[in-house]
């Protein structure tokens, strides 16, 4: 074992179940996991069955990285089952929705 790993500056961990939850739209919740000093951040997004974003979700100032943890995610164009990775470049957009409900790991490398 190497306990010194945990003493490294910035090294952190969090359990999703212990992360505070905030409803951002009806049936759509975000759980913040980490925020870096440059504004990068990681979240888990939970969408109940039949929910959708009320407008376009524009990726600014940088890209959005999404990994579908469970359920099926729809970006407004097609369905993506669990195990799918999506990269949305800066300036692109989608309209998140889920007929079945889903959980997503979402990372914003540039804030």
PDB file of N, CA and C in Angstrom:
ATOM      1  N   UNK A   1       0.845  -1.193   0.000  1.00  0.00           N
ATOM      2  CA  UNK A   1       0.000   0.000   0.000  1.00  0.00           C
ATOM      3  C   UNK A   1       0.882   1.245   0.000  1.00  0.00           C
ATOM      4  N   UNK A   2       0.314   2.298  -0.550  1.00  0.00           N
ATOM      5  CA  UNK A   2       1.035   3.569  -0.669  1.00  0.00           C
ATOM      6  C   UNK A   2       0.151   4.704  -0.158  1.00  0.00           C
ATOM      7  N   UNK A   3       0.027   4.875   1.156  1.00  0.00           N
ATOM      8  CA  UNK A   3      -0.854   5.914   1.696  1.00  0.00           C
ATOM      9  C   UNK A   3      -0.442   7.325   1.281  1.00  0.00           C
ATOM     10  N   UNK A   4       0.805   7.513   0.869  1.00  0.00           N
ATOM     11  CA  UNK A   4       1.250   8.846   0.450  1.00  0.00           C
ATOM     12  C   UNK A   4       0.515   9.326  -0.800  1.00  0.00           C
ATOM     13  N   UNK A   5      -0.085   8.403  -1.534  1.00  0.00           N
ATOM     14  CA  UNK A   5      -0.884   8.792  -2.700  1.00  0.00           C
ATOM     15  C   UNK A   5      -1.968   9.771  -2.282  1.00  0.00           C
ATOM     16  N   UNK A   6      -2.626   9.484  -1.176  1.00  0.00           N
ATOM     17  CA  UNK A   6      -3.744  10.307  -0.720  1.00  0.00           C
ATOM     18  C   UNK A   6      -3.316  11.667  -0.189  1.00  0.00           C
ATOM     19  N   UNK A   7      -2.036  11.837   0.097  1.00  0.00           N
ATOM     20  CA  UNK A   7      -1.531  13.105   0.617  1.00  0.00           C
ATOM     21  C   UNK A   7      -1.107  14.064  -0.497  1.00  0.00           C
ATOM     22  N   UNK A   8      -1.161  13.626  -1.742  1.00  0.00           N
ATOM     23  CA  UNK A   8      -0.756  14.482  -2.846  1.00  0.00           C
ATOM     24  C   UNK A   8      -1.732  15.649  -3.007  1.00  0.00           C
ATOM     25  N   UNK A   9      -1.202  16.837  -3.224  1.00  0.00           N
ATOM     26  CA  UNK A   9      -2.032  18.024  -3.380  1.00  0.00           C
ATOM     27  C   UNK A   9      -2.988  17.851  -4.551  1.00  0.00           C
ATOM     28  N   UNK A  10      -4.266  18.114  -4.287  1.00  0.00           N
ATOM     29  CA  UNK A  10      -5.279  18.046  -5.321  1.00  0.00           C
ATOM     30  C   UNK A  10      -5.873  16.667  -5.543  1.00  0.00           C
ATOM     31  N   UNK A  11      -5.267  15.634  -4.971  1.00  0.00           N
ATOM     32  CA  UNK A  11      -5.788  14.272  -5.125  1.00  0.00           C
ATOM     33  C   UNK A  11      -7.050  14.156  -4.284  1.00  0.00           C
ATOM     34  N   UNK A  12      -8.144  13.765  -4.900  1.00  0.00           N
ATOM     35  CA  UNK A  12      -9.411  13.762  -4.183  1.00  0.00           C
ATOM     36  C   UNK A  12     -10.321  12.650  -4.679  1.00  0.00           C
ATOM     37  N   UNK A  13     -11.311  12.344  -3.897  1.00  0.00           N
ATOM     38  CA  UNK A  13     -12.338  11.385  -4.306  1.00  0.00           C
ATOM     39  C   UNK A  13     -13.651  11.798  -3.663  1.00  0.00           C
ATOM     40  N   UNK A  14     -14.741  11.358  -4.286  1.00  0.00           N
ATOM     41  CA  UNK A  14     -16.069  11.632  -3.749  1.00  0.00           C
ATOM     42  C   UNK A  14     -16.999  10.510  -4.206  1.00  0.00           C
ATOM     43  N   UNK A  15     -17.904  10.127  -3.351  1.00  0.00           N
ATOM     44  CA  UNK A  15     -18.929   9.156  -3.707  1.00  0.00           C
ATOM     45  C   UNK A  15     -20.117   9.912  -4.290  1.00  0.00           C
ATOM     46  N   UNK A  16     -20.654   9.433  -5.388  1.00  0.00           N
ATOM     47  CA  UNK A  16     -21.804  10.096  -6.000  1.00  0.00           C
ATOM     48  C   UNK A  16     -22.944  10.223  -4.997  1.00  0.00           C
ATOM     49  N   UNK A  17     -23.180   9.185  -4.210  1.00  0.00           N
ATOM     50  CA  UNK A  17     -24.290   9.241  -3.246  1.00  0.00           C
ATOM     51  C   UNK A  17     -24.077  10.292  -2.167  1.00  0.00           C
ATOM     52  N   UNK A  18     -22.836  10.712  -1.924  1.00  0.00           N
ATOM     53  CA  UNK A  18     -22.547  11.736  -0.924  1.00  0.00           C
ATOM     54  C   UNK A  18     -22.475  13.145  -1.521  1.00  0.00           C
ATOM     55  N   UNK A  19     -22.530  13.240  -2.840  1.00  0.00           N
ATOM     56  CA  UNK A  19     -22.456  14.533  -3.511  1.00  0.00           C
ATOM     57  C   UNK A  19     -23.805  15.245  -3.393  1.00  0.00           C
ATOM     58  N   UNK A  20     -23.799  16.550  -3.125  1.00  0.00           N
ATOM     59  CA  UNK A  20     -25.073  17.269  -3.022  1.00  0.00           C
ATOM     60  C   UNK A  20     -25.817  17.228  -4.359  1.00  0.00           C
ATOM     61  N   UNK A  21     -27.114  17.092  -4.302  1.00  0.00           N
ATOM     62  CA  UNK A  21     -27.916  17.020  -5.525  1.00  0.00           C
ATOM     63  C   UNK A  21     -28.704  18.309  -5.687  1.00  0.00           C
ATOM     64  N   UNK A  22     -28.780  18.776  -6.939  1.00  0.00           N
ATOM     65  CA  UNK A  22     -29.526  20.011  -7.228  1.00  0.00           C
ATOM     66  C   UNK A  22     -30.375  19.761  -8.474  1.00  0.00           C
ATOM     67  N   UNK A  23     -31.669  20.020  -8.359  1.00  0.00           N
ATOM     68  CA  UNK A  23     -32.549  19.875  -9.526  1.00  0.00           C
ATOM     69  C   UNK A  23     -32.392  21.114 -10.396  1.00  0.00           C
ATOM     70  N   UNK A  24     -31.999  20.907 -11.671  1.00  0.00           N
ATOM     71  CA  UNK A  24     -31.790  22.049 -12.569  1.00  0.00           C
ATOM     72  C   UNK A  24     -32.988  22.286 -13.477  1.00  0.00           C
ATOM     73  N   UNK A  25     -33.747  21.228 -13.760  1.00  0.00           N
ATOM     74  CA  UNK A  25     -35.019  21.285 -14.469  1.00  0.00           C
ATOM     75  C   UNK A  25     -35.876  20.189 -13.851  1.00  0.00           C
ATOM     76  N   UNK A  26     -37.188  20.240 -13.995  1.00  0.00           N
ATOM     77  CA  UNK A  26     -38.014  19.176 -13.415  1.00  0.00           C
ATOM     78  C   UNK A  26     -37.555  17.777 -13.884  1.00  0.00           C
ATOM     79  N   UNK A  27     -37.217  16.926 -12.913  1.00  0.00           N
ATOM     80  CA  UNK A  27     -36.790  15.563 -13.206  1.00  0.00           C
ATOM     81  C   UNK A  27     -35.359  15.423 -13.678  1.00  0.00           C
ATOM     82  N   UNK A  28     -34.597  16.520 -13.677  1.00  0.00           N
ATOM     83  CA  UNK A  28     -33.189  16.502 -14.118  1.00  0.00           C
ATOM     84  C   UNK A  28     -32.340  17.080 -12.996  1.00  0.00           C
ATOM     85  N   UNK A  29     -31.417  16.249 -12.503  1.00  0.00           N
ATOM     86  CA  UNK A  29     -30.595  16.625 -11.349  1.00  0.00           C
ATOM     87  C   UNK A  29     -29.110  16.538 -11.687  1.00  0.00           C
ATOM     88  N   UNK A  30     -28.347  17.413 -11.045  1.00  0.00           N
ATOM     89  CA  UNK A  30     -26.895  17.381 -11.195  1.00  0.00           C
ATOM     90  C   UNK A  30     -26.268  17.141  -9.829  1.00  0.00           C
ATOM     91  N   UNK A  31     -25.211  16.339  -9.827  1.00  0.00           N
ATOM     92  CA  UNK A  31     -24.431  16.070  -8.618  1.00  0.00           C
ATOM     93  C   UNK A  31     -22.978  16.454  -8.920  1.00  0.00           C
ATOM     94  N   UNK A  32     -22.509  17.577  -8.403  1.00  0.00           N
ATOM     95  CA  UNK A  32     -21.126  17.986  -8.657  1.00  0.00           C
ATOM     96  C   UNK A  32     -20.141  17.037  -7.972  1.00  0.00           C
ATOM     97  N   UNK A  33     -19.109  16.640  -8.711  1.00  0.00           N
ATOM     98  CA  UNK A  33     -18.098  15.738  -8.177  1.00  0.00           C
ATOM     99  C   UNK A  33     -16.763  16.428  -7.933  1.00  0.00           C
ATOM    100  N   UNK A  34     -16.384  17.344  -8.818  1.00  0.00           N
ATOM    101  CA  UNK A  34     -15.066  17.964  -8.729  1.00  0.00           C
ATOM    102  C   UNK A  34     -15.060  19.241  -9.543  1.00  0.00           C
ATOM    103  N   UNK A  35     -14.355  20.253  -9.040  1.00  0.00           N
ATOM    104  CA  UNK A  35     -14.096  21.481  -9.778  1.00  0.00           C
ATOM    105  C   UNK A  35     -12.622  21.804  -9.642  1.00  0.00           C
ATOM    106  N   UNK A  36     -11.968  22.026 -10.768  1.00  0.00           N
ATOM    107  CA  UNK A  36     -10.540  22.345 -10.782  1.00  0.00           C
ATOM    108  C   UNK A  36     -10.299  23.836 -10.688  1.00  0.00           C
ATOM    109  N   UNK A  37      -9.058  24.223 -10.440  1.00  0.00           N
ATOM    110  CA  UNK A  37      -8.743  25.644 -10.276  1.00  0.00           C
ATOM    111  C   UNK A  37      -8.947  26.469 -11.548  1.00  0.00           C
ATOM    112  N   UNK A  38      -8.942  25.826 -12.709  1.00  0.00           N
ATOM    113  CA  UNK A  38      -9.123  26.562 -13.967  1.00  0.00           C
ATOM    114  C   UNK A  38     -10.577  26.562 -14.437  1.00  0.00           C
ATOM    115  N   UNK A  39     -11.496  26.031 -13.626  1.00  0.00           N
ATOM    116  CA  UNK A  39     -12.918  25.998 -13.982  1.00  0.00           C
ATOM    117  C   UNK A  39     -13.394  24.678 -14.551  1.00  0.00           C
ATOM    118  N   UNK A  40     -12.482  23.771 -14.869  1.00  0.00           N
ATOM    119  CA  UNK A  40     -12.903  22.443 -15.322  1.00  0.00           C
ATOM    120  C   UNK A  40     -13.752  21.820 -14.221  1.00  0.00           C
ATOM    121  N   UNK A  41     -14.745  21.026 -14.620  1.00  0.00           N
ATOM    122  CA  UNK A  41     -15.555  20.379 -13.599  1.00  0.00           C
ATOM    123  C   UNK A  41     -16.183  19.090 -14.116  1.00  0.00           C
ATOM    124  N   UNK A  42     -16.478  18.206 -13.156  1.00  0.00           N
ATOM    125  CA  UNK A  42     -17.068  16.906 -13.431  1.00  0.00           C
ATOM    126  C   UNK A  42     -18.341  16.755 -12.612  1.00  0.00           C
ATOM    127  N   UNK A  43     -19.372  16.192 -13.234  1.00  0.00           N
ATOM    128  CA  UNK A  43     -20.672  16.011 -12.591  1.00  0.00           C
ATOM    129  C   UNK A  43     -21.260  14.668 -12.971  1.00  0.00           C
ATOM    130  N   UNK A  44     -22.225  14.237 -12.203  1.00  0.00           N
ATOM    131  CA  UNK A  44     -23.137  13.185 -12.626  1.00  0.00           C
ATOM    132  C   UNK A  44     -24.480  13.871 -12.847  1.00  0.00           C
ATOM    133  N   UNK A  45     -25.067  13.609 -14.017  1.00  0.00           N
ATOM    134  CA  UNK A  45     -26.369  14.155 -14.358  1.00  0.00           C
ATOM    135  C   UNK A  45     -27.370  13.002 -14.377  1.00  0.00           C
ATOM    136  N   UNK A  46     -28.484  13.181 -13.691  1.00  0.00           N
ATOM    137  CA  UNK A  46     -29.528  12.161 -13.613  1.00  0.00           C
ATOM    138  C   UNK A  46     -30.795  12.698 -14.270  1.00  0.00           C
ATOM    139  N   UNK A  47     -31.333  11.921 -15.208  1.00  0.00           N
ATOM    140  CA  UNK A  47     -32.552  12.320 -15.908  1.00  0.00           C
ATOM    141  C   UNK A  47     -33.620  11.260 -15.671  1.00  0.00           C
ATOM    142  N   UNK A  48     -34.777  11.673 -15.161  1.00  0.00           N
ATOM    143  CA  UNK A  48     -35.893  10.758 -14.972  1.00  0.00           C
ATOM    144  C   UNK A  48     -36.488  10.377 -16.326  1.00  0.00           C
ATOM    145  N   UNK A  49     -37.208   9.245 -16.394  1.00  0.00           N
ATOM    146  CA  UNK A  49     -37.860   8.859 -17.648  1.00  0.00           C
ATOM    147  C   UNK A  49     -38.787   9.961 -18.152  1.00  0.00           C
ATOM    148  N   UNK A  50     -38.713  10.213 -19.462  1.00  0.00           N
ATOM    149  CA  UNK A  50     -39.590  11.185 -20.091  1.00  0.00           C
ATOM    150  C   UNK A  50     -39.187  12.633 -19.935  1.00  0.00           C
ATOM    151  N   UNK A  51     -37.973  12.898 -19.450  1.00  0.00           N
ATOM    152  CA  UNK A  51     -37.546  14.290 -19.258  1.00  0.00           C
ATOM    153  C   UNK A  51     -36.724  14.780 -20.444  1.00  0.00           C
ATOM    154  N   UNK A  52     -36.692  16.098 -20.579  1.00  0.00           N
ATOM    155  CA  UNK A  52     -35.850  16.716 -21.613  1.00  0.00           C
ATOM    156  C   UNK A  52     -35.493  18.132 -21.201  1.00  0.00           C
ATOM    157  N   UNK A  53     -34.402  18.614 -21.743  1.00  0.00           N
ATOM    158  CA  UNK A  53     -33.945  19.987 -21.542  1.00  0.00           C
ATOM    159  C   UNK A  53     -34.984  20.910 -22.171  1.00  0.00           C
ATOM    160  N   UNK A  54     -35.289  22.045 -21.582  1.00  0.00           N
ATOM    161  CA  UNK A  54     -36.316  22.928 -22.143  1.00  0.00           C
ATOM    162  C   UNK A  54     -35.822  23.789 -23.318  1.00  0.00           C
ATOM    163  N   UNK A  55     -34.528  23.712 -23.632  1.00  0.00           N
ATOM    164  CA  UNK A  55     -33.962  24.536 -24.716  1.00  0.00           C
ATOM    165  C   UNK A  55     -32.646  23.904 -25.170  1.00  0.00           C
ATOM    166  N   UNK A  56     -32.019  24.504 -26.152  1.00  0.00           N
ATOM    167  CA  UNK A  56     -30.707  24.036 -26.605  1.00  0.00           C
ATOM    168  C   UNK A  56     -29.689  24.148 -25.482  1.00  0.00           C
ATOM    169  N   UNK A  57     -28.840  23.145 -25.367  1.00  0.00           N
ATOM    170  CA  UNK A  57     -27.724  23.163 -24.424  1.00  0.00           C
ATOM    171  C   UNK A  57     -26.468  23.429 -25.258  1.00  0.00           C
ATOM    172  N   UNK A  58     -25.971  24.668 -25.212  1.00  0.00           N
ATOM    173  CA  UNK A  58     -24.815  25.083 -26.008  1.00  0.00           C
ATOM    174  C   UNK A  58     -23.547  24.868 -25.198  1.00  0.00           C
ATOM    175  N   UNK A  59     -22.536  24.284 -25.814  1.00  0.00           N
ATOM    176  CA  UNK A  59     -21.293  23.959 -25.123  1.00  0.00           C
ATOM    177  C   UNK A  59     -20.314  25.125 -25.223  1.00  0.00           C
ATOM    178  N   UNK A  60     -20.311  25.932 -24.177  1.00  0.00           N
ATOM    179  CA  UNK A  60     -19.422  27.090 -24.085  1.00  0.00           C
ATOM    180  C   UNK A  60     -18.926  27.218 -22.660  1.00  0.00           C
ATOM    181  N   UNK A  61     -17.749  27.606 -22.386  1.00  0.00           N
ATOM    182  CA  UNK A  61     -16.749  28.098 -23.324  1.00  0.00           C
ATOM    183  C   UNK A  61     -15.982  26.986 -24.047  1.00  0.00           C
ATOM    184  N   UNK A  62     -16.091  25.768 -23.566  1.00  0.00           N
ATOM    185  CA  UNK A  62     -15.325  24.675 -24.164  1.00  0.00           C
ATOM    186  C   UNK A  62     -16.203  23.481 -24.445  1.00  0.00           C
ATOM    187  N   UNK A  63     -15.575  22.351 -24.731  1.00  0.00           N
ATOM    188  CA  UNK A  63     -16.313  21.140 -25.071  1.00  0.00           C
ATOM    189  C   UNK A  63     -16.979  20.490 -23.866  1.00  0.00           C
ATOM    190  N   UNK A  64     -17.818  19.511 -24.171  1.00  0.00           N
ATOM    191  CA  UNK A  64     -18.477  18.704 -23.156  1.00  0.00           C
ATOM    192  C   UNK A  64     -18.190  17.240 -23.479  1.00  0.00           C
ATOM    193  N   UNK A  65     -17.795  16.488 -22.464  1.00  0.00           N
ATOM    194  CA  UNK A  65     -17.540  15.054 -22.606  1.00  0.00           C
ATOM    195  C   UNK A  65     -18.607  14.326 -21.797  1.00  0.00           C
ATOM    196  N   UNK A  66     -19.275  13.349 -22.410  1.00  0.00           N
ATOM    197  CA  UNK A  66     -20.365  12.634 -21.759  1.00  0.00           C
ATOM    198  C   UNK A  66     -20.127  11.138 -21.870  1.00  0.00           C
ATOM    199  N   UNK A  67     -20.308  10.436 -20.759  1.00  0.00           N
ATOM    200  CA  UNK A  67     -20.295   8.975 -20.752  1.00  0.00           C
ATOM    201  C   UNK A  67     -21.614   8.516 -20.154  1.00  0.00           C
ATOM    202  N   UNK A  68     -22.363   7.703 -20.886  1.00  0.00           N
ATOM    203  CA  UNK A  68     -23.660   7.220 -20.424  1.00  0.00           C
ATOM    204  C   UNK A  68     -23.431   6.062 -19.455  1.00  0.00           C
ATOM    205  N   UNK A  69     -23.720   6.304 -18.187  1.00  0.00           N
ATOM    206  CA  UNK A  69     -23.524   5.303 -17.134  1.00  0.00           C
ATOM    207  C   UNK A  69     -24.632   4.259 -17.120  1.00  0.00           C
ATOM    208  N   UNK A  70     -25.875   4.712 -17.250  1.00  0.00           N
ATOM    209  CA  UNK A  70     -27.010   3.795 -17.229  1.00  0.00           C
ATOM    210  C   UNK A  70     -28.149   4.403 -18.020  1.00  0.00           C
ATOM    211  N   UNK A  71     -29.069   3.562 -18.450  1.00  0.00           N
ATOM    212  CA  UNK A  71     -30.220   4.029 -19.204  1.00  0.00           C
ATOM    213  C   UNK A  71     -29.845   4.376 -20.635  1.00  0.00           C
ATOM    214  N   UNK A  72     -30.691   5.183 -21.254  1.00  0.00           N
ATOM    215  CA  UNK A  72     -30.475   5.616 -22.635  1.00  0.00           C
ATOM    216  C   UNK A  72     -30.615   7.124 -22.709  1.00  0.00           C
ATOM    217  N   UNK A  73     -29.602   7.768 -23.255  1.00  0.00           N
ATOM    218  CA  UNK A  73     -29.550   9.218 -23.423  1.00  0.00           C
ATOM    219  C   UNK A  73     -29.876   9.551 -24.876  1.00  0.00           C
ATOM    220  N   UNK A  74     -30.622  10.627 -25.082  1.00  0.00           N
ATOM    221  CA  UNK A  74     -30.908  11.108 -26.425  1.00  0.00           C
ATOM    222  C   UNK A  74     -30.441  12.552 -26.510  1.00  0.00           C
ATOM    223  N   UNK A  75     -29.701  12.876 -27.574  1.00  0.00           N
ATOM    224  CA  UNK A  75     -29.175  14.237 -27.737  1.00  0.00           C
ATOM    225  C   UNK A  75     -30.067  15.124 -28.590  1.00  0.00           C
ATOM    226  N   UNK A  76     -31.271  14.635 -28.924  1.00  0.00           N
ATOM    227  CA  UNK A  76     -32.170  15.375 -29.799  1.00  0.00           C
ATOM    228  C   UNK A  76     -32.117  14.846 -31.216  1.00  0.00           C
ATOM    229  N   UNK A  77     -31.142  13.967 -31.490  1.00  0.00           N
ATOM    230  CA  UNK A  77     -30.998  13.387 -32.821  1.00  0.00           C
ATOM    231  C   UNK A  77     -31.088  11.866 -32.799  1.00  0.00           C
ATOM    232  N   UNK A  78     -30.518  11.237 -31.747  1.00  0.00           N
ATOM    233  CA  UNK A  78     -30.536   9.774 -31.663  1.00  0.00           C
ATOM    234  C   UNK A  78     -30.329   9.313 -30.232  1.00  0.00           C
ATOM    235  N   UNK A  79     -30.589   8.041 -30.000  1.00  0.00           N
ATOM    236  CA  UNK A  79     -30.415   7.420 -28.688  1.00  0.00           C
ATOM    237  C   UNK A  79     -29.004   6.872 -28.533  1.00  0.00           C
ATOM    238  N   UNK A  80     -28.492   6.942 -27.285  1.00  0.00           N
ATOM    239  CA  UNK A  80     -27.177   6.399 -26.935  1.00  0.00           C
ATOM    240  C   UNK A  80     -27.336   5.544 -25.683  1.00  0.00           C
ATOM    241  N   UNK A  81     -27.085   4.244 -25.768  1.00  0.00           N
ATOM    242  CA  UNK A  81     -27.245   3.367 -24.610  1.00  0.00           C
ATOM    243  C   UNK A  81     -26.080   3.483 -23.641  1.00  0.00           C
ATOM    244  N   UNK A  82     -26.260   2.888 -22.470  1.00  0.00           N
ATOM    245  CA  UNK A  82     -25.178   2.826 -21.476  1.00  0.00           C
ATOM    246  C   UNK A  82     -23.914   2.288 -22.132  1.00  0.00           C
ATOM    247  N   UNK A  83     -22.785   2.884 -21.760  1.00  0.00           N
ATOM    248  CA  UNK A  83     -21.499   2.490 -22.319  1.00  0.00           C
ATOM    249  C   UNK A  83     -21.047   3.363 -23.470  1.00  0.00           C
ATOM    250  N   UNK A  84     -21.874   4.336 -23.873  1.00  0.00           N
ATOM    251  CA  UNK A  84     -21.538   5.228 -24.986  1.00  0.00           C
ATOM    252  C   UNK A  84     -20.799   6.460 -24.476  1.00  0.00           C
ATOM    253  N   UNK A  85     -19.773   6.883 -25.218  1.00  0.00           N
ATOM    254  CA  UNK A  85     -19.048   8.134 -24.964  1.00  0.00           C
ATOM    255  C   UNK A  85     -19.401   9.115 -26.068  1.00  0.00           C
ATOM    256  N   UNK A  86     -19.640  10.378 -25.673  1.00  0.00           N
ATOM    257  CA  UNK A  86     -19.902  11.439 -26.642  1.00  0.00           C
ATOM    258  C   UNK A  86     -18.949  12.602 -26.374  1.00  0.00           C
ATOM    259  N   UNK A  87     -18.427  13.181 -27.435  1.00  0.00           N
ATOM    260  CA  UNK A  87     -17.630  14.406 -27.352  1.00  0.00           C
ATOM    261  C   UNK A  87     -18.382  15.464 -28.137  1.00  0.00           C
ATOM    262  N   UNK A  88     -18.712  16.563 -27.484  1.00  0.00           N
ATOM    263  CA  UNK A  88     -19.394  17.684 -28.123  1.00  0.00           C
ATOM    264  C   UNK A  88     -18.423  18.865 -28.115  1.00  0.00           C
ATOM    265  N   UNK A  89     -17.916  19.287 -29.276  1.00  0.00           N
ATOM    266  CA  UNK A  89     -16.926  20.362 -29.305  1.00  0.00           C
ATOM    267  C   UNK A  89     -17.510  21.707 -28.881  1.00  0.00           C
ATOM    268  N   UNK A  90     -16.645  22.615 -28.490  1.00  0.00           N
ATOM    269  CA  UNK A  90     -17.049  23.967 -28.116  1.00  0.00           C
ATOM    270  C   UNK A  90     -17.881  24.576 -29.237  1.00  0.00           C
ATOM    271  N   UNK A  91     -18.978  25.212 -28.856  1.00  0.00           N
ATOM    272  CA  UNK A  91     -19.861  25.864 -29.813  1.00  0.00           C
ATOM    273  C   UNK A  91     -20.955  24.971 -30.358  1.00  0.00           C
ATOM    274  N   UNK A  92     -20.850  23.657 -30.163  1.00  0.00           N
ATOM    275  CA  UNK A  92     -21.908  22.759 -30.624  1.00  0.00           C
ATOM    276  C   UNK A  92     -23.065  22.779 -29.620  1.00  0.00           C
ATOM    277  N   UNK A  93     -24.159  22.143 -29.966  1.00  0.00           N
ATOM    278  CA  UNK A  93     -25.320  22.116 -29.079  1.00  0.00           C
ATOM    279  C   UNK A  93     -26.084  20.814 -29.255  1.00  0.00           C
ATOM    280  N   UNK A  94     -26.911  20.521 -28.271  1.00  0.00           N
ATOM    281  CA  UNK A  94     -27.852  19.412 -28.350  1.00  0.00           C
ATOM    282  C   UNK A  94     -29.032  19.732 -27.440  1.00  0.00           C
ATOM    283  N   UNK A  95     -30.044  18.853 -27.464  1.00  0.00           N
ATOM    284  CA  UNK A  95     -31.209  19.015 -26.604  1.00  0.00           C
ATOM    285  C   UNK A  95     -31.355  17.706 -25.829  1.00  0.00           C
ATOM    286  N   UNK A  96     -30.710  17.605 -24.654  1.00  0.00           N
ATOM    287  CA  UNK A  96     -30.723  16.362 -23.891  1.00  0.00           C
ATOM    288  C   UNK A  96     -32.128  15.904 -23.517  1.00  0.00           C
ATOM    289  N   UNK A  97     -32.334  14.585 -23.638  1.00  0.00           N
ATOM    290  CA  UNK A  97     -33.618  13.979 -23.282  1.00  0.00           C
ATOM    291  C   UNK A  97     -33.385  12.513 -22.960  1.00  0.00           C
ATOM    292  N   UNK A  98     -34.356  11.912 -22.304  1.00  0.00           N
ATOM    293  CA  UNK A  98     -34.295  10.474 -22.045  1.00  0.00           C
ATOM    294  C   UNK A  98     -35.704   9.922 -21.873  1.00  0.00           C
ATOM    295  N   UNK A  99     -36.084   8.996 -22.746  1.00  0.00           N
ATOM    296  CA  UNK A  99     -37.385   8.342 -22.626  1.00  0.00           C
ATOM    297  C   UNK A  99     -37.393   7.348 -21.472  1.00  0.00           C
ATOM    298  N   UNK A 100     -36.232   6.712 -21.230  1.00  0.00           N
ATOM    299  CA  UNK A 100     -36.134   5.647 -20.227  1.00  0.00           C
ATOM    300  C   UNK A 100     -35.586   6.117 -18.890  1.00  0.00           C
ATOM    301  N   UNK A 101     -34.980   7.305 -18.872  1.00  0.00           N
ATOM    302  CA  UNK A 101     -34.193   7.764 -17.734  1.00  0.00           C
ATOM    303  C   UNK A 101     -32.751   7.357 -17.955  1.00  0.00           C
ATOM    304  N   UNK A 102     -31.838   8.133 -17.404  1.00  0.00           N
ATOM    305  CA  UNK A 102     -30.423   7.802 -17.559  1.00  0.00           C
ATOM    306  C   UNK A 102     -29.590   8.542 -16.516  1.00  0.00           C
ATOM    307  N   UNK A 103     -28.375   8.044 -16.345  1.00  0.00           N
ATOM    308  CA  UNK A 103     -27.354   8.722 -15.542  1.00  0.00           C
ATOM    309  C   UNK A 103     -26.141   8.906 -16.431  1.00  0.00           C
ATOM    310  N   UNK A 104     -25.562  10.104 -16.380  1.00  0.00           N
ATOM    311  CA  UNK A 104     -24.432  10.460 -17.225  1.00  0.00           C
ATOM    312  C   UNK A 104     -23.284  10.974 -16.379  1.00  0.00           C
ATOM    313  N   UNK A 105     -22.051  10.635 -16.765  1.00  0.00           N
ATOM    314  CA  UNK A 105     -20.876  11.310 -16.239  1.00  0.00           C
ATOM    315  C   UNK A 105     -20.562  12.401 -17.249  1.00  0.00           C
ATOM    316  N   UNK A 106     -20.511  13.655 -16.790  1.00  0.00           N
ATOM    317  CA  UNK A 106     -20.297  14.794 -17.676  1.00  0.00           C
ATOM    318  C   UNK A 106     -19.058  15.554 -17.218  1.00  0.00           C
ATOM    319  N   UNK A 107     -18.139  15.798 -18.152  1.00  0.00           N
ATOM    320  CA  UNK A 107     -16.893  16.495 -17.844  1.00  0.00           C
ATOM    321  C   UNK A 107     -16.733  17.689 -18.778  1.00  0.00           C
ATOM    322  N   UNK A 108     -16.398  18.828 -18.174  1.00  0.00           N
ATOM    323  CA  UNK A 108     -16.144  20.061 -18.907  1.00  0.00           C
ATOM    324  C   UNK A 108     -14.670  20.435 -18.690  1.00  0.00           C
ATOM    325  N   UNK A 109     -13.789  20.099 -19.623  1.00  0.00           N
ATOM    326  CA  UNK A 109     -12.361  20.344 -19.409  1.00  0.00           C
ATOM    327  C   UNK A 109     -11.966  21.811 -19.375  1.00  0.00           C
ATOM    328  N   UNK A 110     -12.808  22.691 -19.934  1.00  0.00           N
ATOM    329  CA  UNK A 110     -12.479  24.120 -19.961  1.00  0.00           C
ATOM    330  C   UNK A 110     -13.463  24.975 -19.186  1.00  0.00           C
ATOM    331  N   UNK A 111     -14.268  24.366 -18.363  1.00  0.00           N
ATOM    332  CA  UNK A 111     -15.224  25.125 -17.564  1.00  0.00           C
ATOM    333  C   UNK A 111     -16.590  25.179 -18.184  1.00  0.00           C
TER     334      UNK A 111
END
